[in-house]
Amino acid sequence: MTTAQSRVADLARWIDASSGPRRTPLGGDTEVGRYAVIVPCDFDEPPRTDFDAEALPLFVSADQAEGIATGPIVTDAPASQDRVCERLAHILWKIGTDLAPMAVIGLDDPQEPISGAVERAGASAVNVGTYPVVALALYALSAADRAIIAARLPVLP
């Protein structure tokens, strides 16, 4: 397992922990749904676009996710999670602190291969054996949310 794959596995474990049920004041559980979903894919192809606007797909290369239990790919909106922009901002804030360093780039065009966006963001020189490259579907965000998140991108190790 490469360092990048280990870091993808760590991200997957953190997402799983953040997706579990929460206790209610009366002692029951509330299902919250997936905090985010890791989507292994071919970066030479455009990203999948079948996700609900409140789902949070994190696209990673199939090579970096190989052999990793990335969790289910749920395309529906989570039942009781924070808004997608808040979850995404939280992940970006955790990278390099509670989560290992990784490259994060934004996808502006759902028809463009992810590799084109990686190159445009200056992430093509990232050592993919050490750092995962995560692509975010900025095109699926509202204009206001997109501005908030785009201002924090790219994240390069």
N, C-alpha and C. Protein backbone atom coordinates (compact mmCIF):
# COMPACT_ATOMS: atom_id res chain seq x y z
N MET A 1 0.85 -1.18 0.00
CA MET A 1 0.00 0.00 0.00
C MET A 1 0.89 1.24 0.00
N THR A 2 0.60 2.18 -0.89
CA THR A 2 1.37 3.41 -0.94
C THR A 2 0.93 4.35 0.18
N THR A 3 1.73 5.38 0.41
CA THR A 3 1.36 6.39 1.41
C THR A 3 0.05 7.07 1.00
N ALA A 4 -0.11 7.34 -0.29
CA ALA A 4 -1.35 7.97 -0.76
C ALA A 4 -2.55 7.07 -0.50
N GLN A 5 -2.42 5.78 -0.73
CA GLN A 5 -3.53 4.86 -0.48
C GLN A 5 -3.84 4.80 1.01
N SER A 6 -2.80 4.82 1.85
CA SER A 6 -3.02 4.84 3.30
C SER A 6 -3.79 6.09 3.71
N ARG A 7 -3.48 7.21 3.07
CA ARG A 7 -4.17 8.46 3.39
C ARG A 7 -5.61 8.45 2.89
N VAL A 8 -5.87 7.82 1.75
CA VAL A 8 -7.25 7.66 1.28
C VAL A 8 -8.02 6.78 2.27
N ALA A 9 -7.38 5.72 2.75
CA ALA A 9 -8.02 4.84 3.74
C ALA A 9 -8.34 5.61 5.02
N ASP A 10 -7.43 6.48 5.46
CA ASP A 10 -7.68 7.31 6.65
C ASP A 10 -8.88 8.23 6.42
N LEU A 11 -8.94 8.85 5.24
CA LEU A 11 -10.07 9.71 4.90
C LEU A 11 -11.36 8.90 4.91
N ALA A 12 -11.34 7.69 4.36
CA ALA A 12 -12.53 6.84 4.33
C ALA A 12 -12.99 6.49 5.75
N ARG A 13 -12.05 6.19 6.63
CA ARG A 13 -12.40 5.88 8.03
C ARG A 13 -13.00 7.10 8.72
N TRP A 14 -12.45 8.28 8.45
CA TRP A 14 -12.99 9.49 9.05
C TRP A 14 -14.41 9.75 8.55
N ILE A 15 -14.64 9.55 7.26
CA ILE A 15 -15.98 9.73 6.69
C ILE A 15 -16.95 8.74 7.33
N ASP A 16 -16.53 7.48 7.47
CA ASP A 16 -17.39 6.48 8.12
C ASP A 16 -17.76 6.91 9.54
N ALA A 17 -16.77 7.38 10.29
CA ALA A 17 -17.04 7.81 11.66
C ALA A 17 -17.98 9.01 11.70
N SER A 18 -17.91 9.86 10.69
CA SER A 18 -18.75 11.06 10.63
C SER A 18 -20.12 10.77 10.04
N SER A 19 -20.33 9.55 9.60
CA SER A 19 -21.60 9.18 8.96
C SER A 19 -22.48 8.31 9.84
N GLY A 20 -22.01 8.00 11.02
CA GLY A 20 -22.77 7.12 11.91
C GLY A 20 -23.95 7.83 12.56
N PRO A 21 -24.86 7.06 13.12
CA PRO A 21 -26.03 7.66 13.77
C PRO A 21 -25.62 8.52 14.96
N ARG A 22 -26.45 9.50 15.24
CA ARG A 22 -26.21 10.38 16.39
C ARG A 22 -27.29 10.14 17.43
N ARG A 23 -26.90 10.27 18.67
CA ARG A 23 -27.85 10.07 19.78
C ARG A 23 -28.79 11.26 19.88
N THR A 24 -30.05 10.97 20.15
CA THR A 24 -31.05 12.02 20.35
C THR A 24 -31.16 12.32 21.84
N PRO A 25 -31.77 13.45 22.22
CA PRO A 25 -31.91 13.77 23.65
C PRO A 25 -32.69 12.71 24.44
N LEU A 26 -33.57 11.97 23.77
CA LEU A 26 -34.35 10.96 24.48
C LEU A 26 -33.71 9.57 24.40
N GLY A 27 -32.45 9.50 23.94
CA GLY A 27 -31.72 8.25 23.96
C GLY A 27 -31.82 7.40 22.71
N GLY A 28 -32.52 7.86 21.70
CA GLY A 28 -32.61 7.11 20.45
C GLY A 28 -31.48 7.49 19.52
N ASP A 29 -31.53 6.96 18.33
CA ASP A 29 -30.53 7.28 17.32
C ASP A 29 -31.19 7.97 16.13
N THR A 30 -30.48 8.92 15.53
CA THR A 30 -30.91 9.58 14.30
C THR A 30 -29.93 9.20 13.21
N GLU A 31 -30.43 8.61 12.15
CA GLU A 31 -29.58 8.29 11.01
C GLU A 31 -29.27 9.61 10.29
N VAL A 32 -27.98 9.85 10.04
CA VAL A 32 -27.59 11.11 9.41
C VAL A 32 -27.20 10.97 7.95
N GLY A 33 -26.84 9.77 7.53
CA GLY A 33 -26.43 9.58 6.14
C GLY A 33 -24.94 9.82 5.96
N ARG A 34 -24.47 9.60 4.74
CA ARG A 34 -23.04 9.72 4.43
C ARG A 34 -22.59 11.17 4.47
N TYR A 35 -21.54 11.43 5.22
CA TYR A 35 -20.95 12.77 5.30
C TYR A 35 -20.40 13.16 3.94
N ALA A 36 -19.78 12.21 3.28
CA ALA A 36 -19.23 12.37 1.94
C ALA A 36 -19.06 10.97 1.37
N VAL A 37 -18.81 10.87 0.08
CA VAL A 37 -18.54 9.57 -0.53
C VAL A 37 -17.28 9.67 -1.37
N ILE A 38 -16.40 8.70 -1.21
CA ILE A 38 -15.19 8.63 -2.03
C ILE A 38 -15.56 7.86 -3.29
N VAL A 39 -15.29 8.46 -4.44
CA VAL A 39 -15.67 7.87 -5.72
C VAL A 39 -14.39 7.59 -6.52
N PRO A 40 -13.94 6.34 -6.51
CA PRO A 40 -12.78 5.99 -7.34
C PRO A 40 -13.16 6.11 -8.82
N CYS A 41 -12.28 6.69 -9.61
CA CYS A 41 -12.62 6.89 -11.02
C CYS A 41 -11.37 7.05 -11.87
N ASP A 42 -11.60 7.04 -13.17
CA ASP A 42 -10.54 7.25 -14.15
C ASP A 42 -10.42 8.76 -14.37
N PHE A 43 -9.30 9.34 -14.02
CA PHE A 43 -9.13 10.79 -14.15
C PHE A 43 -9.08 11.25 -15.60
N ASP A 44 -8.95 10.33 -16.54
CA ASP A 44 -8.98 10.72 -17.95
C ASP A 44 -10.40 10.83 -18.49
N GLU A 45 -11.38 10.60 -17.63
CA GLU A 45 -12.80 10.70 -17.99
C GLU A 45 -13.44 11.84 -17.18
N PRO A 46 -14.56 12.38 -17.67
CA PRO A 46 -15.31 13.36 -16.87
C PRO A 46 -15.87 12.68 -15.61
N PRO A 47 -16.16 13.45 -14.58
CA PRO A 47 -16.71 12.87 -13.34
C PRO A 47 -18.15 12.42 -13.52
N ARG A 48 -18.57 11.54 -12.64
CA ARG A 48 -19.99 11.17 -12.59
C ARG A 48 -20.79 12.41 -12.19
N THR A 49 -22.00 12.49 -12.70
CA THR A 49 -22.84 13.66 -12.39
C THR A 49 -24.20 13.24 -11.82
N ASP A 50 -24.33 12.03 -11.36
CA ASP A 50 -25.63 11.53 -10.89
C ASP A 50 -25.83 11.69 -9.39
N PHE A 51 -25.15 12.64 -8.78
CA PHE A 51 -25.27 12.87 -7.34
C PHE A 51 -26.27 13.98 -7.04
N ASP A 52 -27.00 13.83 -5.96
CA ASP A 52 -27.89 14.88 -5.48
C ASP A 52 -27.06 16.12 -5.14
N ALA A 53 -27.67 17.28 -5.22
CA ALA A 53 -26.96 18.54 -4.95
C ALA A 53 -26.39 18.59 -3.53
N GLU A 54 -26.97 17.87 -2.58
CA GLU A 54 -26.48 17.87 -1.20
C GLU A 54 -25.58 16.67 -0.89
N ALA A 55 -25.38 15.79 -1.86
CA ALA A 55 -24.40 14.71 -1.67
C ALA A 55 -23.02 15.34 -1.82
N LEU A 56 -22.01 14.68 -1.32
CA LEU A 56 -20.65 15.24 -1.39
C LEU A 56 -19.70 14.19 -1.94
N PRO A 57 -19.63 14.08 -3.30
CA PRO A 57 -18.68 13.13 -3.88
C PRO A 57 -17.26 13.69 -3.85
N LEU A 58 -16.32 12.85 -3.47
CA LEU A 58 -14.90 13.18 -3.49
C LEU A 58 -14.26 12.22 -4.49
N PHE A 59 -13.91 12.74 -5.65
CA PHE A 59 -13.37 11.89 -6.71
C PHE A 59 -11.87 11.67 -6.49
N VAL A 60 -11.46 10.41 -6.47
CA VAL A 60 -10.06 10.05 -6.37
C VAL A 60 -9.75 9.07 -7.50
N SER A 61 -8.49 8.99 -7.89
CA SER A 61 -8.15 8.07 -8.97
C SER A 61 -8.33 6.64 -8.51
N ALA A 62 -8.72 5.80 -9.44
CA ALA A 62 -8.92 4.38 -9.12
C ALA A 62 -7.63 3.76 -8.58
N ASP A 63 -6.49 4.19 -9.09
CA ASP A 63 -5.20 3.67 -8.60
C ASP A 63 -4.98 3.99 -7.12
N GLN A 64 -5.32 5.21 -6.72
CA GLN A 64 -5.11 5.61 -5.33
C GLN A 64 -6.13 4.98 -4.39
N ALA A 65 -7.25 4.50 -4.92
CA ALA A 65 -8.28 3.87 -4.09
C ALA A 65 -8.22 2.34 -4.17
N GLU A 66 -7.31 1.81 -4.98
CA GLU A 66 -7.24 0.37 -5.17
C GLU A 66 -6.97 -0.35 -3.85
N GLY A 67 -7.81 -1.34 -3.56
CA GLY A 67 -7.66 -2.13 -2.35
C GLY A 67 -8.13 -1.45 -1.08
N ILE A 68 -8.76 -0.30 -1.20
CA ILE A 68 -9.21 0.48 -0.04
C ILE A 68 -10.72 0.32 0.12
N ALA A 69 -11.18 0.12 1.33
CA ALA A 69 -12.61 0.10 1.62
C ALA A 69 -13.07 1.55 1.73
N THR A 70 -13.50 2.11 0.60
CA THR A 70 -13.86 3.54 0.57
C THR A 70 -15.29 3.80 1.02
N GLY A 71 -16.06 2.77 1.29
CA GLY A 71 -17.44 2.95 1.73
C GLY A 71 -18.38 2.96 0.55
N PRO A 72 -19.67 2.94 0.83
CA PRO A 72 -20.66 2.90 -0.25
C PRO A 72 -20.71 4.23 -1.01
N ILE A 73 -21.00 4.14 -2.30
CA ILE A 73 -21.18 5.34 -3.11
C ILE A 73 -22.68 5.64 -3.14
N VAL A 74 -23.08 6.54 -2.25
CA VAL A 74 -24.48 6.92 -2.12
C VAL A 74 -24.68 8.22 -2.89
N THR A 75 -25.62 8.21 -3.82
CA THR A 75 -25.84 9.40 -4.66
C THR A 75 -26.93 10.31 -4.11
N ASP A 76 -27.68 9.83 -3.12
CA ASP A 76 -28.76 10.64 -2.54
C ASP A 76 -28.23 11.63 -1.51
N ALA A 77 -29.04 12.64 -1.22
CA ALA A 77 -28.69 13.59 -0.17
C ALA A 77 -28.71 12.86 1.18
N PRO A 78 -27.80 13.18 2.07
CA PRO A 78 -27.83 12.55 3.39
C PRO A 78 -29.04 13.03 4.18
N ALA A 79 -29.53 12.18 5.08
CA ALA A 79 -30.76 12.47 5.82
C ALA A 79 -30.64 13.69 6.74
N SER A 80 -29.58 13.77 7.51
CA SER A 80 -29.49 14.81 8.53
C SER A 80 -28.08 15.35 8.71
N GLN A 81 -27.34 15.51 7.64
CA GLN A 81 -26.00 16.09 7.73
C GLN A 81 -26.10 17.61 7.53
N ASP A 82 -25.03 18.31 7.85
CA ASP A 82 -24.96 19.74 7.56
C ASP A 82 -25.01 19.94 6.05
N ARG A 83 -25.20 21.17 5.63
CA ARG A 83 -25.21 21.49 4.20
C ARG A 83 -23.89 21.10 3.55
N VAL A 84 -23.93 20.81 2.27
CA VAL A 84 -22.75 20.33 1.55
C VAL A 84 -21.58 21.32 1.65
N CYS A 85 -21.82 22.60 1.56
CA CYS A 85 -20.75 23.60 1.64
C CYS A 85 -20.07 23.55 3.01
N GLU A 86 -20.85 23.39 4.07
CA GLU A 86 -20.29 23.34 5.42
C GLU A 86 -19.46 22.07 5.61
N ARG A 87 -19.94 20.95 5.09
CA ARG A 87 -19.18 19.70 5.20
C ARG A 87 -17.88 19.79 4.41
N LEU A 88 -17.96 20.38 3.23
CA LEU A 88 -16.77 20.51 2.40
C LEU A 88 -15.75 21.45 3.04
N ALA A 89 -16.21 22.56 3.56
CA ALA A 89 -15.32 23.49 4.24
C ALA A 89 -14.66 22.82 5.45
N HIS A 90 -15.41 21.98 6.13
CA HIS A 90 -14.87 21.27 7.30
C HIS A 90 -13.76 20.30 6.88
N ILE A 91 -13.97 19.57 5.80
CA ILE A 91 -12.94 18.65 5.31
C ILE A 91 -11.69 19.43 4.91
N LEU A 92 -11.87 20.53 4.19
CA LEU A 92 -10.71 21.34 3.78
C LEU A 92 -9.95 21.87 4.99
N TRP A 93 -10.67 22.24 6.04
CA TRP A 93 -10.05 22.73 7.26
C TRP A 93 -9.25 21.63 7.96
N LYS A 94 -9.73 20.39 7.91
CA LYS A 94 -9.08 19.28 8.60
C LYS A 94 -7.84 18.75 7.87
N ILE A 95 -7.74 19.00 6.56
CA ILE A 95 -6.61 18.50 5.79
C ILE A 95 -5.31 19.15 6.30
N GLY A 96 -4.37 18.31 6.64
CA GLY A 96 -3.09 18.80 7.16
C GLY A 96 -3.08 18.92 8.67
N THR A 97 -4.22 18.73 9.32
CA THR A 97 -4.27 18.74 10.78
C THR A 97 -4.75 17.36 11.24
N ASP A 98 -6.05 17.15 11.31
CA ASP A 98 -6.60 15.85 11.71
C ASP A 98 -6.60 14.85 10.56
N LEU A 99 -6.59 15.33 9.35
CA LEU A 99 -6.47 14.47 8.16
C LEU A 99 -5.10 14.72 7.53
N ALA A 100 -4.56 13.70 6.93
CA ALA A 100 -3.23 13.81 6.31
C ALA A 100 -3.25 14.79 5.15
N PRO A 101 -2.08 15.34 4.81
CA PRO A 101 -2.00 16.23 3.66
C PRO A 101 -2.41 15.52 2.38
N MET A 102 -3.09 16.23 1.52
CA MET A 102 -3.50 15.74 0.21
C MET A 102 -3.74 16.92 -0.70
N ALA A 103 -3.76 16.66 -1.99
CA ALA A 103 -4.08 17.70 -2.97
C ALA A 103 -5.59 17.69 -3.19
N VAL A 104 -6.18 18.88 -3.22
CA VAL A 104 -7.62 19.00 -3.48
C VAL A 104 -7.80 20.05 -4.56
N ILE A 105 -8.53 19.68 -5.60
CA ILE A 105 -8.77 20.62 -6.69
C ILE A 105 -10.27 20.68 -6.97
N GLY A 106 -10.70 21.77 -7.59
CA GLY A 106 -12.10 21.94 -7.93
C GLY A 106 -12.38 21.63 -9.39
N LEU A 107 -13.53 21.06 -9.64
CA LEU A 107 -13.98 20.77 -11.00
C LEU A 107 -15.04 21.79 -11.39
N ASP A 108 -14.73 22.59 -12.40
CA ASP A 108 -15.66 23.63 -12.84
C ASP A 108 -16.63 23.16 -13.92
N ASP A 109 -16.23 22.16 -14.67
CA ASP A 109 -17.00 21.70 -15.83
C ASP A 109 -17.25 20.20 -15.72
N PRO A 110 -18.52 19.77 -15.64
CA PRO A 110 -18.79 18.34 -15.51
C PRO A 110 -18.45 17.53 -16.76
N GLN A 111 -18.16 18.19 -17.87
CA GLN A 111 -17.82 17.49 -19.10
C GLN A 111 -16.31 17.34 -19.31
N GLU A 112 -15.52 18.03 -18.50
CA GLU A 112 -14.06 17.99 -18.65
C GLU A 112 -13.48 16.80 -17.92
N PRO A 113 -12.53 16.10 -18.53
CA PRO A 113 -11.84 15.04 -17.79
C PRO A 113 -11.18 15.62 -16.53
N ILE A 114 -11.19 14.86 -15.47
CA ILE A 114 -10.63 15.33 -14.21
C ILE A 114 -9.15 15.67 -14.37
N SER A 115 -8.43 14.93 -15.20
CA SER A 115 -7.01 15.19 -15.41
C SER A 115 -6.76 16.60 -15.93
N GLY A 116 -7.67 17.14 -16.73
CA GLY A 116 -7.54 18.52 -17.22
C GLY A 116 -7.62 19.53 -16.09
N ALA A 117 -8.55 19.30 -15.17
CA ALA A 117 -8.69 20.20 -14.02
C ALA A 117 -7.48 20.08 -13.09
N VAL A 118 -6.95 18.86 -12.95
CA VAL A 118 -5.76 18.65 -12.11
C VAL A 118 -4.59 19.44 -12.69
N GLU A 119 -4.41 19.37 -13.99
CA GLU A 119 -3.32 20.09 -14.64
C GLU A 119 -3.49 21.60 -14.50
N ARG A 120 -4.70 22.09 -14.74
CA ARG A 120 -4.97 23.53 -14.66
C ARG A 120 -4.75 24.07 -13.25
N ALA A 121 -5.00 23.24 -12.23
CA ALA A 121 -4.83 23.66 -10.83
C ALA A 121 -3.38 23.59 -10.38
N GLY A 122 -2.50 23.06 -11.24
CA GLY A 122 -1.10 22.94 -10.87
C GLY A 122 -0.80 21.72 -10.03
N ALA A 123 -1.71 20.76 -10.02
CA ALA A 123 -1.53 19.57 -9.19
C ALA A 123 -0.94 18.39 -9.95
N SER A 124 -0.62 18.57 -11.22
CA SER A 124 -0.08 17.45 -11.99
C SER A 124 1.33 17.05 -11.54
N ALA A 125 2.01 17.93 -10.81
CA ALA A 125 3.35 17.61 -10.31
C ALA A 125 3.32 16.97 -8.92
N VAL A 126 2.13 16.78 -8.35
CA VAL A 126 2.02 16.18 -7.03
C VAL A 126 2.48 14.73 -7.09
N ASN A 127 3.25 14.31 -6.11
CA ASN A 127 3.71 12.92 -6.03
C ASN A 127 2.51 12.06 -5.62
N VAL A 128 1.91 11.36 -6.60
CA VAL A 128 0.69 10.59 -6.35
C VAL A 128 0.93 9.31 -5.56
N GLY A 129 2.18 8.96 -5.35
CA GLY A 129 2.49 7.84 -4.47
C GLY A 129 2.44 8.24 -3.01
N THR A 130 2.57 9.54 -2.75
CA THR A 130 2.57 10.06 -1.39
C THR A 130 1.27 10.79 -1.04
N TYR A 131 0.76 11.58 -1.98
CA TYR A 131 -0.40 12.43 -1.69
C TYR A 131 -1.60 12.05 -2.55
N PRO A 132 -2.74 11.81 -1.93
CA PRO A 132 -3.95 11.60 -2.72
C PRO A 132 -4.31 12.90 -3.45
N VAL A 133 -4.91 12.76 -4.61
CA VAL A 133 -5.45 13.90 -5.34
C VAL A 133 -6.96 13.74 -5.32
N VAL A 134 -7.63 14.68 -4.70
CA VAL A 134 -9.09 14.64 -4.53
C VAL A 134 -9.69 15.76 -5.36
N ALA A 135 -10.70 15.42 -6.15
CA ALA A 135 -11.37 16.41 -6.98
C ALA A 135 -12.80 16.63 -6.46
N LEU A 136 -13.18 17.89 -6.39
CA LEU A 136 -14.50 18.29 -5.87
C LEU A 136 -15.38 18.83 -6.99
N ALA A 137 -16.64 18.48 -6.96
CA ALA A 137 -17.58 18.92 -8.00
C ALA A 137 -18.09 20.33 -7.70
N LEU A 138 -17.27 21.33 -7.96
CA LEU A 138 -17.69 22.72 -7.73
C LEU A 138 -18.89 23.08 -8.60
N TYR A 139 -18.98 22.51 -9.79
CA TYR A 139 -20.08 22.81 -10.70
C TYR A 139 -21.44 22.47 -10.11
N ALA A 140 -21.49 21.61 -9.10
CA ALA A 140 -22.77 21.21 -8.49
C ALA A 140 -23.19 22.14 -7.35
N LEU A 141 -22.32 23.05 -6.94
CA LEU A 141 -22.63 23.95 -5.83
C LEU A 141 -23.37 25.19 -6.33
N SER A 142 -24.11 25.82 -5.42
CA SER A 142 -24.72 27.11 -5.75
C SER A 142 -23.62 28.13 -5.98
N ALA A 143 -23.95 29.23 -6.61
CA ALA A 143 -22.94 30.27 -6.89
C ALA A 143 -22.30 30.78 -5.60
N ALA A 144 -23.10 30.97 -4.57
CA ALA A 144 -22.57 31.48 -3.30
C ALA A 144 -21.65 30.45 -2.64
N ASP A 145 -22.07 29.19 -2.60
CA ASP A 145 -21.24 28.14 -2.01
C ASP A 145 -19.98 27.91 -2.82
N ARG A 146 -20.13 27.99 -4.13
CA ARG A 146 -18.97 27.79 -5.00
C ARG A 146 -17.90 28.85 -4.73
N ALA A 147 -18.32 30.09 -4.54
CA ALA A 147 -17.37 31.18 -4.26
C ALA A 147 -16.63 30.92 -2.94
N ILE A 148 -17.34 30.44 -1.93
CA ILE A 148 -16.72 30.16 -0.62
C ILE A 148 -15.66 29.08 -0.75
N ILE A 149 -15.99 27.99 -1.43
CA ILE A 149 -15.09 26.85 -1.54
C ILE A 149 -13.96 27.14 -2.54
N ALA A 150 -14.28 27.75 -3.66
CA ALA A 150 -13.25 28.03 -4.69
C ALA A 150 -12.15 28.92 -4.13
N ALA A 151 -12.49 29.79 -3.19
CA ALA A 151 -11.48 30.68 -2.60
C ALA A 151 -10.44 29.89 -1.80
N ARG A 152 -10.76 28.67 -1.41
CA ARG A 152 -9.84 27.84 -0.62
C ARG A 152 -9.07 26.83 -1.47
N LEU A 153 -9.30 26.85 -2.77
CA LEU A 153 -8.68 25.87 -3.65
C LEU A 153 -7.69 26.52 -4.60
N PRO A 154 -6.75 25.80 -5.13
CA PRO A 154 -6.46 24.39 -4.80
C PRO A 154 -5.71 24.27 -3.49
N VAL A 155 -5.81 23.09 -2.90
CA VAL A 155 -4.98 22.74 -1.75
C VAL A 155 -3.89 21.85 -2.30
N LEU A 156 -2.67 22.30 -2.20
CA LEU A 156 -1.53 21.52 -2.72
C LEU A 156 -0.55 21.25 -1.58
N PRO A 157 -0.09 20.00 -1.47
CA PRO A 157 0.84 19.67 -0.38
C PRO A 157 2.22 20.25 -0.64
